[in-house]
Amino acid sequence: MRVALVGYGTMGHEIERLAAERGAQISATFDLARPIAANAPIHADVAIEFTHPNAVLGNIRTLVELGCPVVVGTTGWDRHVDEVRQLVAAAQGRVLYGSNFSVGVNLFFRIVRAAAQLLNGFPMYDAALFEAHHNRKADAPSGTAVTLASILLEQLDRKTELCAGNPTGRIDPAALHVSSQRVGAVVGTHTVTFDAEADTIELTHSARNRSGFALGALLAAEWLVGQPPGFYRFEEIF
């Protein structure tokens, strides 16, 4: 499998390292100094895109128009998902998106869903979400936190809206508070809290390094090259 890396920062280098172990070839790398050209062939079976929210839509559009399947790891562009779906459908392209490519995080999504389903019947437990990342991360809350919040809002009847950031006053009991911290070199920590007067239940996922994300992106790329045209989510490969 020939892979083009769109974004050659920390994640790009980690994907490159693991690709060799899985028998994949990095056929091209693109970054700010060497952007993708709309009229130039990619020479890759699939592209993996980890760049910036401001760049991701243009990269997806170019890759789809070039006929190159693309795995998108960049977050912070959720409001444009419908636009990308339409683009993919019109061009008969292949795009796979994930808010987090860690296998552990995607298992965590399922654990949180099951816990929320159970706790929906116990309204004495309030719910909240906290996430922490390194101080270079461009978006907040993280894409993973947004996915977790969607799960909680879907499963908890008592939570009907999202409250992100640092509120200055009392929040509505129906609001799900999502708080973010940007500090140092934290790879990624997400904690879901269910709190009652009697006790607290906390579910936490902490990433130790970026290897899990890189491996997940490569697994997604291997899966995507064998799929028909469409817009896919990472959880579909499990």
Protein backbone atom coordinates (compact mmCIF):
# COMPACT_ATOMS: atom_id res chain seq x y z
CA MET A 1 0.00 0.00 0.00
CA ARG A 2 1.37 3.40 -1.04
CA VAL A 3 0.51 6.17 1.40
CA ALA A 4 0.70 9.93 0.91
CA LEU A 5 1.09 11.91 4.14
CA VAL A 6 -0.68 15.25 4.08
CA GLY A 7 0.78 16.98 7.10
CA TYR A 8 4.29 15.98 8.07
CA GLY A 9 4.47 17.00 11.70
CA THR A 10 4.58 14.84 14.81
CA MET A 11 1.74 12.57 13.68
CA GLY A 12 3.06 12.33 10.14
CA HIS A 13 6.46 11.18 11.36
CA GLU A 14 4.89 8.62 13.72
CA ILE A 15 2.74 7.23 10.89
CA GLU A 16 5.85 7.02 8.71
CA ARG A 17 7.66 5.04 11.42
CA LEU A 18 4.84 2.53 11.85
CA ALA A 19 4.11 2.25 8.12
CA ALA A 20 7.40 0.47 7.50
CA GLU A 21 6.55 -2.09 10.19
CA ARG A 22 3.25 -2.84 8.43
CA GLY A 23 4.78 -3.12 4.96
CA ALA A 24 3.35 0.18 3.72
CA GLN A 25 5.34 2.63 1.61
CA ILE A 26 5.25 6.40 2.17
CA SER A 27 5.16 7.54 -1.45
CA ALA A 28 4.79 11.30 -0.85
CA THR A 29 4.73 13.87 1.94
CA PHE A 30 3.01 17.26 1.85
CA ASP A 31 3.13 20.20 4.25
CA LEU A 32 3.01 24.01 4.21
CA ALA A 33 6.27 24.17 2.27
CA ARG A 34 5.10 21.55 -0.24
CA PRO A 35 1.28 21.69 -0.57
CA ILE A 36 -0.84 19.37 -2.67
CA ALA A 37 -1.19 20.53 -6.27
CA ALA A 38 -4.65 20.12 -7.80
CA ASN A 39 -3.20 19.27 -11.21
CA ALA A 40 -0.44 16.90 -10.07
CA PRO A 41 -0.85 13.13 -9.60
CA ILE A 42 -0.47 11.81 -6.05
CA HIS A 43 1.02 8.37 -6.87
CA ALA A 44 -0.57 6.84 -3.77
CA ASP A 45 -3.27 4.30 -3.00
CA VAL A 46 -4.52 6.40 -0.08
CA ALA A 47 -3.71 9.66 1.70
CA ILE A 48 -3.67 10.29 5.46
CA GLU A 49 -4.44 13.88 6.40
CA PHE A 50 -3.37 15.40 9.74
CA THR A 51 -3.07 19.16 9.29
CA HIS A 52 -5.10 22.11 10.63
CA PRO A 53 -8.83 22.96 10.71
CA ASN A 54 -8.18 25.88 8.35
CA ALA A 55 -6.54 23.62 5.76
CA VAL A 56 -8.48 20.38 5.96
CA LEU A 57 -11.42 21.24 3.66
CA GLY A 58 -9.17 22.34 0.82
CA ASN A 59 -7.03 19.23 1.23
CA ILE A 60 -10.07 16.93 1.19
CA ARG A 61 -11.45 18.65 -1.91
CA THR A 62 -8.16 18.38 -3.79
CA LEU A 63 -7.60 14.72 -2.88
CA VAL A 64 -11.16 13.71 -3.79
CA GLU A 65 -10.89 15.51 -7.13
CA LEU A 66 -7.61 13.69 -7.78
CA GLY A 67 -9.35 10.38 -7.10
CA CYS A 68 -7.27 9.57 -4.03
CA PRO A 69 -9.04 8.02 -1.02
CA VAL A 70 -8.30 10.01 2.14
CA VAL A 71 -8.26 9.25 5.85
CA VAL A 72 -8.88 12.50 7.75
CA GLY A 73 -7.48 12.85 11.25
CA THR A 74 -7.74 16.63 11.52
CA THR A 75 -10.50 17.76 13.90
CA GLY A 76 -12.36 21.03 14.35
CA TRP A 77 -14.34 21.00 11.07
CA ASP A 78 -17.50 19.15 12.16
CA ARG A 79 -19.81 21.93 10.96
CA HIS A 80 -18.67 21.18 7.39
CA VAL A 81 -19.40 17.43 7.46
CA ASP A 82 -22.54 17.72 5.31
CA GLU A 83 -20.62 19.77 2.75
CA VAL A 84 -17.93 17.07 2.55
CA ARG A 85 -20.54 14.32 2.26
CA GLN A 86 -22.02 16.12 -0.76
CA LEU A 87 -18.56 16.57 -2.29
CA VAL A 88 -17.74 12.88 -1.83
CA ALA A 89 -21.08 11.78 -3.30
CA ALA A 90 -20.74 14.06 -6.33
CA ALA A 91 -17.18 12.95 -7.09
CA GLN A 92 -17.70 9.28 -6.15
CA GLY A 93 -14.78 9.66 -3.76
CA ARG A 94 -13.77 7.82 -0.61
CA VAL A 95 -13.26 9.67 2.67
CA LEU A 96 -12.95 8.24 6.18
CA TYR A 97 -13.10 10.58 9.17
CA GLY A 98 -12.45 9.96 12.84
CA SER A 99 -12.41 12.34 15.79
CA ASN A 100 -9.82 9.99 17.32
CA PHE A 101 -7.97 7.09 15.67
CA SER A 102 -6.93 5.37 18.90
CA VAL A 103 -8.41 1.88 19.19
CA GLY A 104 -8.60 2.42 22.95
CA VAL A 105 -10.57 5.65 22.57
CA ASN A 106 -13.06 3.99 20.25
CA LEU A 107 -13.56 1.25 22.83
CA PHE A 108 -13.93 4.06 25.40
CA PHE A 109 -16.76 5.51 23.30
CA ARG A 110 -18.61 2.20 23.66
CA ILE A 111 -17.94 2.03 27.40
CA VAL A 112 -19.26 5.57 27.91
CA ARG A 113 -22.34 4.79 25.81
CA ALA A 114 -23.10 1.70 27.91
CA ALA A 115 -22.56 3.61 31.17
CA ALA A 116 -24.79 6.49 30.05
CA GLN A 117 -27.54 4.07 29.03
CA LEU A 118 -27.39 2.52 32.51
CA LEU A 119 -27.23 5.83 34.37
CA ASN A 120 -30.07 7.33 32.37
CA GLY A 121 -32.34 5.55 34.85
CA PHE A 122 -30.66 7.22 37.84
CA PRO A 123 -31.35 10.96 37.56
CA MET A 124 -29.58 11.76 40.84
CA TYR A 125 -26.28 11.51 38.90
CA ASP A 126 -25.27 14.71 37.12
CA ALA A 127 -22.85 14.36 34.19
CA ALA A 128 -19.92 16.41 32.93
CA LEU A 129 -16.93 16.01 30.64
CA PHE A 130 -13.30 17.18 30.93
CA GLU A 131 -10.50 16.99 28.37
CA ALA A 132 -6.83 18.01 28.45
CA HIS A 133 -4.29 18.31 25.63
CA HIS A 134 -0.90 19.85 24.87
CA ASN A 135 -0.67 23.62 24.53
CA ARG A 136 -0.23 23.49 20.74
CA LYS A 137 -3.64 21.98 19.99
CA ALA A 138 -5.65 24.32 17.77
CA ASP A 139 -9.25 23.40 18.66
CA ALA A 140 -11.25 23.19 21.88
CA PRO A 141 -13.13 21.22 22.90
CA SER A 142 -11.31 18.37 21.20
CA GLY A 143 -12.98 16.32 18.50
CA THR A 144 -12.96 13.36 20.88
CA ALA A 145 -14.74 15.43 23.53
CA VAL A 146 -17.35 16.48 20.97
CA THR A 147 -17.97 12.81 20.14
CA LEU A 148 -18.26 11.91 23.83
CA ALA A 149 -20.63 14.82 24.40
CA SER A 150 -22.80 13.64 21.51
CA ILE A 151 -23.00 10.18 23.08
CA LEU A 152 -24.00 11.61 26.47
CA LEU A 153 -26.60 13.96 24.99
CA GLU A 154 -28.04 11.06 23.01
CA GLN A 155 -28.26 8.68 25.98
CA LEU A 156 -29.11 10.94 28.93
CA ASP A 157 -32.66 12.29 28.78
CA ARG A 158 -31.83 14.91 31.43
CA LYS A 159 -29.09 16.50 29.28
CA THR A 160 -30.37 18.40 26.26
CA GLU A 161 -27.70 20.97 25.38
CA LEU A 162 -23.95 21.50 25.39
CA CYS A 163 -22.19 24.06 27.57
CA ALA A 164 -18.55 24.33 26.46
CA GLY A 165 -15.87 26.48 28.03
CA ASN A 166 -15.86 28.33 31.33
CA PRO A 167 -19.30 29.58 32.33
CA THR A 168 -19.38 32.75 34.43
CA GLY A 169 -22.58 31.85 36.25
CA ARG A 170 -24.87 28.99 37.14
CA ILE A 171 -25.49 26.62 34.24
CA ASP A 172 -28.81 25.08 33.34
CA PRO A 173 -29.17 21.60 34.92
CA ALA A 174 -30.10 20.33 31.45
CA ALA A 175 -26.74 21.52 30.06
CA LEU A 176 -23.80 19.14 29.71
CA HIS A 177 -20.70 21.04 30.79
CA VAL A 178 -17.55 20.30 28.75
CA SER A 179 -14.33 21.88 30.04
CA SER A 180 -10.92 21.98 28.34
CA GLN A 181 -7.34 22.42 29.50
CA ARG A 182 -4.31 23.16 27.32
CA VAL A 183 -1.03 22.58 29.10
CA GLY A 184 2.48 21.30 28.42
CA ALA A 185 2.84 18.13 26.38
CA VAL A 186 -0.32 16.23 27.38
CA VAL A 187 -1.09 13.78 24.56
CA GLY A 188 -4.78 13.51 25.43
CA THR A 189 -6.93 12.82 28.49
CA HIS A 190 -10.73 12.56 28.55
CA THR A 191 -12.80 12.07 31.70
CA VAL A 192 -16.55 11.55 31.95
CA THR A 193 -17.92 12.23 35.44
CA PHE A 194 -21.23 11.08 36.90
CA ASP A 195 -21.69 12.81 40.25
CA ALA A 196 -24.33 12.40 42.97
CA GLU A 197 -24.52 13.41 46.62
CA ALA A 198 -23.52 9.92 47.72
CA ASP A 199 -20.64 9.20 45.35
CA THR A 200 -18.84 9.91 42.08
CA ILE A 201 -18.24 7.64 39.09
CA GLU A 202 -15.41 8.63 36.75
CA LEU A 203 -14.42 7.05 33.44
CA THR A 204 -11.04 8.17 32.05
CA HIS A 205 -8.98 7.47 28.97
CA SER A 206 -5.39 8.75 28.91
CA ALA A 207 -3.13 8.42 25.88
CA ARG A 208 0.54 7.76 26.70
CA ASN A 209 1.90 8.52 23.25
CA ARG A 210 0.83 9.00 19.63
CA SER A 211 1.56 5.44 18.48
CA GLY A 212 -2.04 4.37 19.04
CA PHE A 213 -3.36 7.21 16.86
CA ALA A 214 -0.85 6.45 14.10
CA LEU A 215 -1.66 2.74 14.13
CA GLY A 216 -5.38 3.49 13.95
CA ALA A 217 -4.86 5.81 10.98
CA LEU A 218 -2.94 3.09 9.13
CA LEU A 219 -5.63 0.50 9.94
CA ALA A 220 -8.21 2.94 8.58
CA ALA A 221 -6.17 3.46 5.40
CA GLU A 222 -5.82 -0.29 4.85
CA TRP A 223 -9.59 -0.68 5.27
CA LEU A 224 -10.56 2.29 3.10
CA VAL A 225 -8.67 1.18 -0.03
CA GLY A 226 -10.94 -1.86 -0.26
CA GLN A 227 -14.23 0.02 0.12
CA PRO A 228 -16.63 1.39 -2.51
CA PRO A 229 -17.11 5.17 -2.83
CA GLY A 230 -18.60 6.79 0.26
CA PHE A 231 -18.11 8.85 3.41
CA TYR A 232 -17.14 6.65 6.35
CA ARG A 233 -16.50 6.99 10.09
CA PHE A 234 -13.58 5.30 11.84
CA GLU A 235 -15.88 3.29 14.13
CA GLU A 236 -17.21 1.46 11.05
CA ILE A 237 -13.99 -0.53 10.69
CA PHE A 238 -14.48 -2.34 14.01
